[in-house]
Protein backbone atom coordinates (compact mmCIF):
# COMPACT_ATOMS: atom_id res chain seq x y z
CA UNK A 1 18.33 23.44 70.61
CA UNK A 2 16.85 26.73 69.59
CA UNK A 3 16.18 29.70 71.80
CA UNK A 4 13.09 29.43 74.01
CA UNK A 5 10.55 32.19 73.42
CA UNK A 6 9.38 34.32 76.33
CA UNK A 7 5.79 33.45 75.51
CA UNK A 8 6.53 29.75 75.84
CA UNK A 9 8.23 30.28 79.18
CA UNK A 10 5.35 32.42 80.45
CA UNK A 11 2.88 29.62 79.67
CA UNK A 12 4.81 27.05 81.73
CA UNK A 13 3.77 26.20 85.28
CA UNK A 14 6.31 26.33 88.09
CA UNK A 15 6.58 22.54 88.12
CA UNK A 16 7.16 22.49 84.35
CA UNK A 17 9.88 25.12 84.74
CA UNK A 18 11.63 23.10 87.44
CA UNK A 19 11.43 19.91 85.41
CA UNK A 20 12.65 21.58 82.24
CA UNK A 21 15.59 23.13 84.09
CA UNK A 22 16.66 19.72 85.44
CA UNK A 23 16.40 18.07 82.02
CA UNK A 24 18.23 20.86 80.22
CA UNK A 25 21.02 20.98 82.81
CA UNK A 26 21.56 17.24 82.42
CA UNK A 27 21.69 17.55 78.63
CA UNK A 28 24.05 20.52 78.87
CA UNK A 29 26.37 18.65 81.23
CA UNK A 30 26.42 15.67 78.85
CA UNK A 31 27.14 17.90 75.85
CA UNK A 32 29.91 19.64 77.75
CA UNK A 33 31.48 16.30 78.68
CA UNK A 34 31.29 14.92 75.14
CA UNK A 35 32.72 18.17 73.79
CA UNK A 36 35.77 17.77 76.02
CA UNK A 37 36.30 14.25 74.64
CA UNK A 38 35.40 14.90 71.00
CA UNK A 39 34.95 18.51 69.90
CA UNK A 40 31.55 19.26 68.42
CA UNK A 41 31.21 21.26 65.24
CA UNK A 42 28.71 23.82 66.50
CA UNK A 43 29.62 25.16 69.93
CA UNK A 44 26.82 27.74 69.61
CA UNK A 45 24.39 25.00 70.61
CA UNK A 46 26.06 24.77 74.01
CA UNK A 47 25.97 28.53 74.42
CA UNK A 48 22.28 28.65 73.45
CA UNK A 49 21.43 25.87 75.88
CA UNK A 50 23.27 27.62 78.72
CA UNK A 51 21.28 30.79 77.99
CA UNK A 52 18.01 28.85 77.84
CA UNK A 53 18.72 27.43 81.28
CA UNK A 54 19.41 30.94 82.56
CA UNK A 55 16.13 32.20 81.08
CA UNK A 56 14.18 29.43 82.79
CA UNK A 57 15.91 30.03 86.12
CA UNK A 58 15.25 33.77 85.87
CA UNK A 59 11.55 33.19 85.22
CA UNK A 60 11.34 30.78 88.15
CA UNK A 61 13.08 33.29 90.43
CA UNK A 62 10.79 36.12 89.30
CA UNK A 63 7.70 34.05 90.02
CA UNK A 64 9.00 33.14 93.48
CA UNK A 65 9.73 36.80 94.23
CA UNK A 66 6.22 37.78 93.11
CA UNK A 67 4.70 35.14 95.39
CA UNK A 68 6.74 36.34 98.37
CA UNK A 69 5.75 39.95 97.69
CA UNK A 70 2.07 38.99 97.53
CA UNK A 71 2.34 37.07 100.80
CA UNK A 72 4.10 39.98 102.53
CA UNK A 73 1.47 42.41 101.26
CA UNK A 74 -1.30 40.19 102.63
CA UNK A 75 0.42 40.03 106.03
CA UNK A 76 0.84 43.81 106.17
CA UNK A 77 -2.75 44.36 105.10
CA UNK A 78 -4.01 41.91 107.76
CA UNK A 79 -1.94 43.59 110.48
CA UNK A 80 -3.36 47.02 109.58
CA UNK A 81 -6.89 45.69 109.60
CA UNK A 82 -6.30 44.14 113.03
CA UNK A 83 -4.96 47.46 114.31
CA UNK A 84 -1.41 46.22 114.75
CA UNK A 85 1.47 48.32 113.47
């Protein structure tokens, strides 16, 4: 498979990211197994797929971090408005 573009990843929802990661990991595991039995001609495909999975996981992690930061900011803001802290 070819490299996933950042724009395509940015357009995906969190559920799409999770689903795509699961599917790609399964395909990668299968490719890796078949490669151990019968060597494939182009091992770059496996490398590209591994990197695609990493890109998707990174995007998912970044979105989760952003959500946590927003939630923490809201809690701090609420506490200040209530006169606490």
